Amino acid sequence: MLLVASLPDDDLRRQHDPLMSPIVWDLGHIGHFEEVWLVENVESGGSGSEGLRGIYNPFENPRAVRDQLPLPSLSQCWDYLSGVRRVVLDGVVQLDLNSNAPLLKDGFVFRMVLQHEYQHTETILQTLQLMQNSPYRPPRQLVAPPASGDAPPADAMVWFPGGQVEHGTNDRSTAYDNERPKHAVDVAPFWIDVHPTTNAAYLSFVNEGGYGQPEHWSSPGWAWKESEALQAPKYWSRSEEGWSERFMDKIIKLDPTRPVCHVGYWEAEAFAHWAGKRLPTELEWEVAASWDPEGGKKRIYPWGDATPTALHANLDTVLFETAPIGSYPAGVSALGCWGMLGDVWEWTSTDFSGYPGYETFPYPEYSEVFFGDEYKVLRGGSWASRVGAVRNTFRNWDYPIRRQIFSGIRCVRDE
């Protein structure tokens, strides 16, 4: 509500881009999802997907047509959200929170609803970045910390010697079904970038004609790039003074030390090929973020199991922009990778599918219906991701053509 408090109803109800919902739809959907799961299904364990109804059923009402729905005003939406929350809080005191019922066990259903709200907060931020009629002025809270003098160079890579690791998790209190089950996997050796790809590195790709060299692009990637007449990442602009980048209402000279942001999968893949590397599989990414070779075990977050703070990563929408690489020395992984959570989501080469032994829980429309080769997995979260919605095993996914997401690149290469 803080994010949208300054916006008039017209901006909240407008379809700012066919890719995104009107903001007030996202707000109402947050409340409806909470109502379905924490009022109607919390004890029965019924299917929340069947309970989603009316204008807030995302499968019956695709994003591109949501501005044609009978959307509420912000005050009406707030009344609805507040009413749902009151009913939920009244109901919680009557629940057996030590129950072994699948939804209640270890508090899963509450964390699921909370994460759903967090994820829609990031979706709303994508919409705010896309606003066309006037730039959105966010309530910025902090500025980026200075880069650490101890950070490795921007082009540094670290080596994983290969071996058997644990992939995924068995956690059932927080993790989604697509993160489970934990399973052992043999991983071949690989090098991985210490930092996400910087603006400086991507600008070299642009300046050296990467957008005009089909040898670096896959066939579908080149066809998409040509059809969209792309020459640079989304929100980059060029003038006589050089390249600039926009973060909401803030247009700044392109900072060579920040991670490149708002690139689609095909751009990421082409850059990696141009650089003599490739995109990581999501397994390789998870190894670099989570695996502690000395202890022979995995971590919940790159730095360990402690909950993220503002010292660990650029998360929680406090900057409203990326930070220079090397800004968070407390967030380094055991393997030596910096910035693996926060700043930008990182594309992987992996299609979105279930792990061996996958079981849908508690509803198929979160994960299962999206399995297939249409979507690529992204890892790591962005500056717009809330702390409670990121971890080393969390899996995001999107179409390869999507650039409105806060997405970047980290490359690997073989021996």
Protein backbone atom coordinates (compact mmCIF):
# COMPACT_ATOMS: atom_id res chain seq x y z
CA MET A 1 0.00 0.00 0.00
CA LEU A 2 2.96 2.32 0.59
CA LEU A 3 4.09 1.72 -2.99
CA VAL A 4 0.79 2.84 -4.50
CA ALA A 5 -0.39 5.44 -1.97
CA SER A 6 0.64 8.37 -4.18
CA LEU A 7 -1.08 7.11 -7.34
CA PRO A 8 -4.50 8.32 -8.48
CA ASP A 9 -7.24 5.79 -9.22
CA ASP A 10 -6.79 6.29 -12.97
CA ASP A 11 -3.20 5.03 -12.78
CA LEU A 12 -4.19 2.14 -10.54
CA ARG A 13 -6.94 0.98 -12.91
CA ARG A 14 -5.05 1.61 -16.18
CA GLN A 15 -3.48 -1.19 -18.24
CA HIS A 16 0.02 0.27 -18.45
CA ASP A 17 1.21 -2.59 -20.64
CA PRO A 18 -0.55 -5.68 -22.07
CA LEU A 19 1.98 -7.83 -20.19
CA MET A 20 0.81 -6.56 -16.82
CA SER A 21 -2.40 -6.32 -14.83
CA PRO A 22 -3.90 -3.03 -13.68
CA ILE A 23 -2.32 -2.45 -10.28
CA VAL A 24 -5.63 -2.53 -8.43
CA TRP A 25 -6.26 -6.02 -9.85
CA ASP A 26 -3.02 -7.27 -8.27
CA LEU A 27 -4.01 -5.71 -4.96
CA GLY A 28 -7.44 -7.31 -4.99
CA HIS A 29 -6.03 -10.66 -6.09
CA ILE A 30 -3.68 -10.61 -3.08
CA GLY A 31 -6.68 -10.32 -0.78
CA HIS A 32 -8.73 -12.89 -2.69
CA PHE A 33 -5.92 -15.46 -2.54
CA GLU A 34 -5.63 -14.87 1.20
CA GLU A 35 -9.38 -15.28 1.62
CA VAL A 36 -9.47 -18.52 -0.36
CA TRP A 37 -6.59 -20.15 1.50
CA LEU A 38 -6.78 -18.72 5.04
CA VAL A 39 -10.55 -18.51 5.39
CA GLU A 40 -12.09 -21.12 3.09
CA ASN A 41 -9.42 -23.85 2.80
CA VAL A 42 -7.12 -23.54 5.79
CA GLU A 43 -8.62 -26.47 7.68
CA SER A 44 -10.26 -28.49 4.92
CA GLY A 45 -7.16 -28.67 2.73
CA GLY A 46 -9.32 -28.09 -0.35
CA SER A 47 -7.99 -26.90 -3.67
CA GLY A 48 -7.45 -23.16 -3.65
CA SER A 49 -7.26 -23.14 -7.43
CA GLU A 50 -10.89 -24.21 -7.58
CA GLY A 51 -11.80 -21.51 -5.09
CA LEU A 52 -10.35 -18.62 -7.09
CA ARG A 53 -13.31 -16.98 -8.71
CA GLY A 54 -14.74 -13.86 -10.29
CA ILE A 55 -12.47 -11.14 -11.60
CA TYR A 56 -9.52 -12.41 -9.53
CA ASN A 57 -9.25 -15.82 -11.21
CA PRO A 58 -6.06 -15.35 -13.27
CA PHE A 59 -6.76 -18.27 -15.59
CA GLU A 60 -10.21 -17.07 -16.58
CA ASN A 61 -9.05 -13.46 -16.89
CA PRO A 62 -5.65 -13.15 -18.64
CA ARG A 63 -3.58 -10.04 -17.95
CA ALA A 64 -4.25 -8.43 -21.33
CA VAL A 65 -8.03 -8.15 -20.65
CA ARG A 66 -8.07 -7.28 -16.96
CA ASP A 67 -8.61 -3.58 -17.60
CA GLN A 68 -12.01 -4.51 -19.03
CA LEU A 69 -13.14 -6.08 -15.75
CA PRO A 70 -15.30 -4.23 -13.17
CA LEU A 71 -12.30 -3.17 -11.11
CA PRO A 72 -12.74 -1.55 -7.69
CA SER A 73 -11.38 1.83 -6.65
CA LEU A 74 -8.39 1.88 -4.30
CA SER A 75 -10.62 2.67 -1.31
CA GLN A 76 -12.97 -0.21 -2.19
CA CYS A 77 -9.98 -2.50 -2.61
CA TRP A 78 -8.54 -1.42 0.73
CA ASP A 79 -11.86 -2.09 2.45
CA TYR A 80 -11.85 -5.59 0.96
CA LEU A 81 -8.23 -6.28 1.93
CA SER A 82 -8.81 -5.01 5.47
CA GLY A 83 -11.98 -7.06 5.83
CA VAL A 84 -10.24 -10.25 4.72
CA ARG A 85 -7.36 -9.64 7.09
CA ARG A 86 -9.70 -9.13 10.05
CA VAL A 87 -11.48 -12.42 9.33
CA VAL A 88 -8.13 -14.21 8.94
CA LEU A 89 -6.77 -12.89 12.23
CA ASP A 90 -9.99 -13.74 14.06
CA GLY A 91 -9.81 -17.26 12.63
CA VAL A 92 -6.16 -17.89 13.44
CA VAL A 93 -6.79 -17.87 17.19
CA GLN A 94 -9.21 -20.76 16.75
CA LEU A 95 -6.85 -22.94 14.72
CA ASP A 96 -4.74 -25.79 16.03
CA LEU A 97 -1.35 -24.46 14.91
CA ASN A 98 0.30 -27.71 16.00
CA SER A 99 -1.87 -29.67 13.60
CA ASN A 100 -0.33 -32.22 11.27
CA ALA A 101 -2.83 -31.31 8.55
CA PRO A 102 -0.74 -30.76 5.38
CA LEU A 103 -1.64 -27.08 5.00
CA LEU A 104 -1.15 -26.19 8.68
CA LYS A 105 1.88 -28.35 9.43
CA ASP A 106 4.91 -26.15 10.14
CA GLY A 107 2.87 -23.09 9.18
CA PHE A 108 3.11 -23.81 5.44
CA VAL A 109 -0.18 -22.20 4.34
CA PHE A 110 0.61 -18.91 6.07
CA ARG A 111 4.04 -18.67 4.46
CA MET A 112 2.56 -19.62 1.09
CA VAL A 113 0.03 -16.78 1.28
CA LEU A 114 2.68 -14.36 2.47
CA GLN A 115 5.03 -15.31 -0.36
CA HIS A 116 2.19 -14.91 -2.84
CA GLU A 117 1.75 -11.34 -1.58
CA TYR A 118 5.51 -10.73 -1.86
CA GLN A 119 5.58 -12.02 -5.43
CA HIS A 120 2.72 -9.74 -6.46
CA THR A 121 4.53 -6.82 -4.85
CA GLU A 122 7.38 -7.43 -7.30
CA THR A 123 4.88 -7.75 -10.15
CA ILE A 124 3.42 -4.37 -9.17
CA LEU A 125 6.92 -2.88 -9.24
CA GLN A 126 7.39 -4.18 -12.78
CA THR A 127 4.17 -2.39 -13.72
CA LEU A 128 5.30 0.83 -12.01
CA GLN A 129 8.54 0.70 -14.00
CA LEU A 130 6.49 0.29 -17.21
CA MET A 131 4.23 3.30 -16.56
CA GLN A 132 4.01 5.39 -19.72
CA ASN A 133 1.93 8.44 -18.85
CA SER A 134 4.25 9.76 -16.13
CA PRO A 135 7.24 8.28 -14.30
CA TYR A 136 6.53 6.71 -10.93
CA ARG A 137 8.26 8.37 -7.98
CA PRO A 138 9.03 5.67 -5.43
CA PRO A 139 9.48 6.17 -1.68
CA ARG A 140 13.21 5.49 -1.73
CA GLN A 141 14.61 4.63 1.68
CA LEU A 142 18.35 4.00 1.28
CA VAL A 143 21.24 4.50 -1.11
CA ALA A 144 23.50 1.73 -2.36
CA PRO A 145 26.51 0.96 -0.16
CA PRO A 146 29.96 1.54 -1.65
CA ALA A 147 31.64 -1.39 -3.33
CA SER A 148 34.05 -3.31 -1.15
CA GLY A 149 37.75 -2.84 -1.83
CA ASP A 150 38.16 -6.57 -1.28
CA ALA A 151 35.83 -7.57 -4.12
CA PRO A 152 37.41 -9.60 -6.94
CA PRO A 153 37.60 -8.00 -10.42
CA ALA A 154 34.42 -7.79 -12.48
CA ASP A 155 35.60 -10.49 -14.89
CA ALA A 156 36.77 -12.97 -12.22
CA MET A 157 35.56 -16.57 -12.24
CA VAL A 158 35.71 -19.33 -9.64
CA TRP A 159 36.11 -23.07 -10.16
CA PHE A 160 33.86 -25.86 -8.98
CA PRO A 161 35.77 -29.14 -9.25
CA GLY A 162 32.70 -31.31 -9.73
CA GLY A 163 31.23 -34.04 -7.59
CA GLN A 164 27.99 -35.12 -6.00
CA VAL A 165 25.81 -32.41 -4.49
CA GLU A 166 22.30 -32.01 -3.10
CA HIS A 167 19.81 -30.31 -5.41
CA GLY A 168 16.49 -28.90 -4.15
CA THR A 169 15.12 -29.16 -0.63
CA ASN A 170 12.83 -31.25 1.55
CA ASP A 171 11.59 -28.23 3.48
CA ARG A 172 7.79 -28.17 3.74
CA SER A 173 7.37 -25.08 5.88
CA THR A 174 8.46 -22.47 3.32
CA ALA A 175 9.53 -24.04 0.01
CA TYR A 176 7.11 -24.46 -2.88
CA ASP A 177 6.39 -27.86 -4.41
CA ASN A 178 8.69 -27.20 -7.41
CA GLU A 179 11.69 -26.89 -5.05
CA ARG A 180 11.18 -30.43 -3.73
CA PRO A 181 12.34 -33.10 -3.19
CA LYS A 182 16.01 -32.87 -2.35
CA HIS A 183 17.98 -35.30 -4.48
CA ALA A 184 21.62 -36.18 -5.07
CA VAL A 185 23.12 -35.17 -8.43
CA ASP A 186 26.56 -35.59 -9.96
CA VAL A 187 27.87 -32.29 -11.32
CA ALA A 188 30.67 -31.93 -13.86
CA PRO A 189 33.39 -29.33 -13.17
CA PHE A 190 32.74 -25.76 -14.32
CA TRP A 191 33.86 -22.16 -13.96
CA ILE A 192 31.28 -19.53 -12.96
CA ASP A 193 31.42 -15.74 -12.88
CA VAL A 194 32.09 -14.30 -9.45
CA HIS A 195 29.74 -11.39 -10.18
CA PRO A 196 26.68 -10.93 -12.37
CA THR A 197 27.44 -9.48 -15.80
CA THR A 198 28.03 -5.73 -15.53
CA ASN A 199 26.77 -2.89 -17.66
CA ALA A 200 30.35 -2.39 -18.83
CA ALA A 201 30.64 -5.95 -20.14
CA TYR A 202 27.24 -5.81 -21.81
CA LEU A 203 28.02 -2.41 -23.34
CA SER A 204 31.06 -3.99 -25.00
CA PHE A 205 28.72 -6.56 -26.54
CA VAL A 206 26.49 -3.74 -27.79
CA ASN A 207 29.36 -1.58 -29.08
CA GLU A 208 31.03 -4.49 -30.86
CA GLY A 209 27.88 -5.21 -32.84
CA GLY A 210 26.48 -8.10 -30.83
CA TYR A 211 22.91 -7.21 -31.79
CA GLY A 212 23.87 -7.43 -35.45
CA GLN A 213 25.80 -10.72 -35.41
CA PRO A 214 23.49 -13.71 -35.90
CA GLU A 215 26.28 -16.18 -35.11
CA HIS A 216 25.83 -15.40 -31.41
CA TRP A 217 22.06 -15.90 -31.41
CA SER A 218 19.86 -18.97 -31.54
CA SER A 219 17.40 -19.06 -34.44
CA PRO A 220 14.35 -18.20 -32.30
CA GLY A 221 16.36 -15.59 -30.42
CA TRP A 222 17.50 -13.86 -33.61
CA ALA A 223 13.99 -13.92 -35.07
CA TRP A 224 12.61 -12.33 -31.89
CA LYS A 225 15.37 -9.72 -31.76
CA GLU A 226 14.75 -8.79 -35.40
CA SER A 227 10.98 -8.61 -34.98
CA GLU A 228 11.39 -6.27 -32.01
CA ALA A 229 14.25 -4.29 -33.62
CA LEU A 230 16.23 -4.49 -30.37
CA GLN A 231 19.57 -2.76 -29.96
CA ALA A 232 20.07 -2.70 -26.18
CA PRO A 233 18.47 -3.77 -22.88
CA LYS A 234 15.05 -2.41 -21.99
CA TYR A 235 15.24 1.02 -20.30
CA TRP A 236 18.63 1.84 -21.81
CA SER A 237 18.66 5.00 -23.93
CA ARG A 238 21.40 6.69 -25.94
CA SER A 239 22.06 10.38 -26.54
CA GLU A 240 25.03 12.50 -27.60
CA GLU A 241 26.34 12.20 -24.04
CA GLY A 242 26.27 8.37 -24.17
CA TRP A 243 24.08 5.66 -22.68
CA SER A 244 21.70 6.14 -19.76
CA GLU A 245 19.54 3.76 -17.72
CA ARG A 246 16.15 4.43 -16.13
CA PHE A 247 15.01 3.24 -12.70
CA MET A 248 11.41 4.43 -12.25
CA ASP A 249 11.67 8.26 -12.39
CA LYS A 250 15.46 8.27 -12.08
CA ILE A 251 17.53 8.43 -15.28
CA ILE A 252 21.25 8.07 -14.66
CA LYS A 253 24.34 7.79 -16.78
CA LEU A 254 25.03 4.12 -17.37
CA ASP A 255 27.06 2.91 -14.41
CA PRO A 256 29.61 0.38 -15.68
CA THR A 257 29.85 -1.29 -12.27
CA ARG A 258 26.17 -2.22 -11.89
CA PRO A 259 24.67 -5.52 -13.07
CA VAL A 260 22.99 -5.30 -16.45
CA CYS A 261 19.22 -5.46 -15.94
CA HIS A 262 16.09 -6.00 -18.05
CA VAL A 263 17.53 -8.40 -20.61
CA GLY A 264 15.56 -11.35 -21.97
CA TYR A 265 16.79 -14.91 -22.12
CA TRP A 266 17.73 -14.69 -25.80
CA GLU A 267 19.87 -11.62 -25.11
CA ALA A 268 21.52 -13.34 -22.16
CA GLU A 269 22.26 -16.42 -24.28
CA ALA A 270 23.70 -14.31 -27.12
CA PHE A 271 25.90 -12.34 -24.73
CA ALA A 272 27.23 -15.53 -23.16
CA HIS A 273 28.12 -16.94 -26.60
CA TRP A 274 29.80 -13.68 -27.61
CA ALA A 275 31.84 -13.78 -24.36
CA GLY A 276 33.01 -17.35 -25.07
CA LYS A 277 30.89 -18.75 -22.27
CA ARG A 278 27.36 -20.12 -21.75
CA LEU A 279 24.48 -19.67 -19.36
CA PRO A 280 24.53 -21.93 -16.29
CA THR A 281 22.08 -24.72 -15.75
CA GLU A 282 19.96 -24.05 -12.69
CA LEU A 283 21.82 -26.91 -10.98
CA GLU A 284 25.15 -25.17 -11.57
CA TRP A 285 23.69 -21.91 -10.32
CA GLU A 286 22.38 -23.57 -7.17
CA VAL A 287 25.73 -25.25 -6.55
CA ALA A 288 27.52 -21.89 -6.75
CA ALA A 289 24.99 -20.25 -4.44
CA SER A 290 24.43 -22.96 -1.87
CA TRP A 291 27.06 -25.68 -1.79
CA ASP A 292 29.74 -25.61 0.89
CA PRO A 293 32.51 -27.88 -0.44
CA GLU A 294 34.35 -28.00 2.87
CA GLY A 295 31.31 -28.93 4.93
CA GLY A 296 29.82 -31.10 2.20
CA LYS A 297 26.38 -29.58 2.69
CA LYS A 298 24.18 -26.84 1.30
CA ARG A 299 23.17 -23.50 2.71
CA ILE A 300 19.73 -21.86 2.73
CA TYR A 301 21.31 -18.57 1.56
CA PRO A 302 24.72 -18.01 -0.05
CA TRP A 303 26.27 -16.78 3.22
CA GLY A 304 24.69 -19.44 5.46
CA ASP A 305 21.35 -19.98 7.14
CA ALA A 306 20.91 -16.54 8.74
CA THR A 307 17.91 -14.52 7.50
CA PRO A 308 18.91 -11.88 4.93
CA THR A 309 19.52 -8.33 6.11
CA ALA A 310 20.46 -5.10 4.32
CA LEU A 311 24.10 -6.11 4.84
CA HIS A 312 23.75 -9.35 2.86
CA ALA A 313 22.05 -8.37 -0.38
CA ASN A 314 20.13 -5.72 -2.33
CA LEU A 315 16.62 -6.95 -1.57
CA ASP A 316 13.32 -5.70 -0.17
CA THR A 317 12.77 -2.70 -2.47
CA VAL A 318 14.77 -0.24 -0.38
CA LEU A 319 16.98 1.06 -3.22
CA PHE A 320 14.59 0.82 -6.18
CA GLU A 321 17.63 0.15 -8.36
CA THR A 322 20.62 -2.15 -8.68
CA ALA A 323 23.78 -1.66 -6.64
CA PRO A 324 27.39 -1.79 -7.88
CA ILE A 325 28.88 -5.27 -7.89
CA GLY A 326 30.94 -5.98 -4.79
CA SER A 327 28.64 -3.95 -2.53
CA TYR A 328 27.72 -6.82 -0.20
CA PRO A 329 30.79 -8.68 1.12
CA ALA A 330 28.66 -10.31 3.83
CA GLY A 331 26.66 -12.10 1.14
CA VAL A 332 29.42 -14.09 -0.56
CA SER A 333 28.77 -17.80 -1.11
CA ALA A 334 31.06 -20.58 0.09
CA LEU A 335 32.34 -21.03 -3.46
CA GLY A 336 33.22 -17.33 -3.65
CA CYS A 337 30.36 -15.88 -5.74
CA TRP A 338 29.07 -12.39 -4.96
CA GLY A 339 25.55 -11.04 -5.36
CA MET A 340 23.75 -14.32 -5.98
CA LEU A 341 20.64 -13.09 -4.17
CA GLY A 342 19.21 -9.68 -4.93
CA ASP A 343 19.91 -7.02 -7.59
CA VAL A 344 18.86 -9.05 -10.64
CA TRP A 345 17.25 -12.40 -11.39
CA GLU A 346 19.73 -14.53 -13.34
CA TRP A 347 18.68 -16.54 -16.39
CA THR A 348 19.61 -20.21 -16.53
CA SER A 349 19.51 -22.53 -19.54
CA THR A 350 17.10 -24.91 -17.80
CA ASP A 351 13.52 -25.48 -18.89
CA PHE A 352 11.01 -25.35 -16.05
CA SER A 353 9.98 -28.84 -14.95
CA GLY A 354 9.54 -30.93 -11.83
CA TYR A 355 12.39 -32.64 -10.03
CA PRO A 356 12.53 -36.47 -9.80
CA GLY A 357 9.84 -37.46 -7.32
CA TYR A 358 7.95 -34.16 -7.68
CA GLU A 359 4.49 -34.05 -6.08
CA THR A 360 2.01 -31.23 -6.61
CA PHE A 361 1.09 -29.45 -3.38
CA PRO A 362 -1.26 -27.88 -2.65
CA TYR A 363 -2.54 -26.91 -6.13
CA PRO A 364 -1.33 -27.58 -9.71
CA GLU A 365 -1.76 -24.03 -10.98
CA TYR A 366 1.28 -22.75 -9.09
CA SER A 367 3.88 -24.99 -10.73
CA GLU A 368 2.67 -28.04 -12.61
CA VAL A 369 0.63 -26.33 -15.34
CA PHE A 370 3.72 -24.34 -16.39
CA PHE A 371 6.08 -27.30 -16.78
CA GLY A 372 7.53 -27.64 -20.27
CA ASP A 373 9.99 -26.09 -22.69
CA GLU A 374 8.18 -22.75 -23.03
CA TYR A 375 9.66 -21.32 -19.84
CA LYS A 376 13.23 -20.83 -18.64
CA VAL A 377 14.19 -20.87 -14.98
CA LEU A 378 15.60 -17.76 -13.31
CA ARG A 379 17.37 -17.77 -9.96
CA GLY A 380 18.44 -15.40 -7.23
CA GLY A 381 15.82 -12.67 -6.79
CA SER A 382 16.18 -8.96 -7.53
CA TRP A 383 16.23 -5.62 -5.72
CA ALA A 384 12.41 -5.80 -5.94
CA SER A 385 12.16 -9.21 -4.21
CA ARG A 386 11.06 -9.37 -0.60
CA VAL A 387 13.33 -11.15 1.87
CA GLY A 388 10.72 -13.82 2.63
CA ALA A 389 10.45 -14.85 -1.00
CA VAL A 390 14.08 -15.67 -1.84
CA ARG A 391 16.44 -18.51 -0.98
CA ASN A 392 18.98 -20.65 -2.81
CA THR A 393 16.38 -23.20 -3.90
CA PHE A 394 13.67 -20.76 -5.04
CA ARG A 395 12.75 -21.12 -8.72
CA ASN A 396 11.32 -18.33 -10.84
CA TRP A 397 10.36 -18.90 -14.47
CA ASP A 398 9.29 -16.87 -17.47
CA TYR A 399 9.14 -16.79 -21.24
CA PRO A 400 12.53 -16.19 -22.94
CA ILE A 401 11.21 -12.97 -24.51
CA ARG A 402 10.33 -11.28 -21.22
CA ARG A 403 12.33 -8.13 -20.39
CA GLN A 404 10.06 -6.28 -17.98
CA ILE A 405 11.32 -8.54 -15.18
CA PHE A 406 14.39 -7.38 -13.25
CA SER A 407 16.60 -9.93 -14.98
CA GLY A 408 20.33 -10.17 -15.65
CA ILE A 409 23.11 -12.61 -16.45
CA ARG A 410 25.81 -14.73 -14.86
CA CYS A 411 27.89 -16.94 -17.14
CA VAL A 412 29.78 -20.21 -16.84
CA ARG A 413 32.33 -22.05 -18.95
CA ASP A 414 33.66 -25.56 -18.98
CA GLU A 415 37.26 -26.63 -18.44
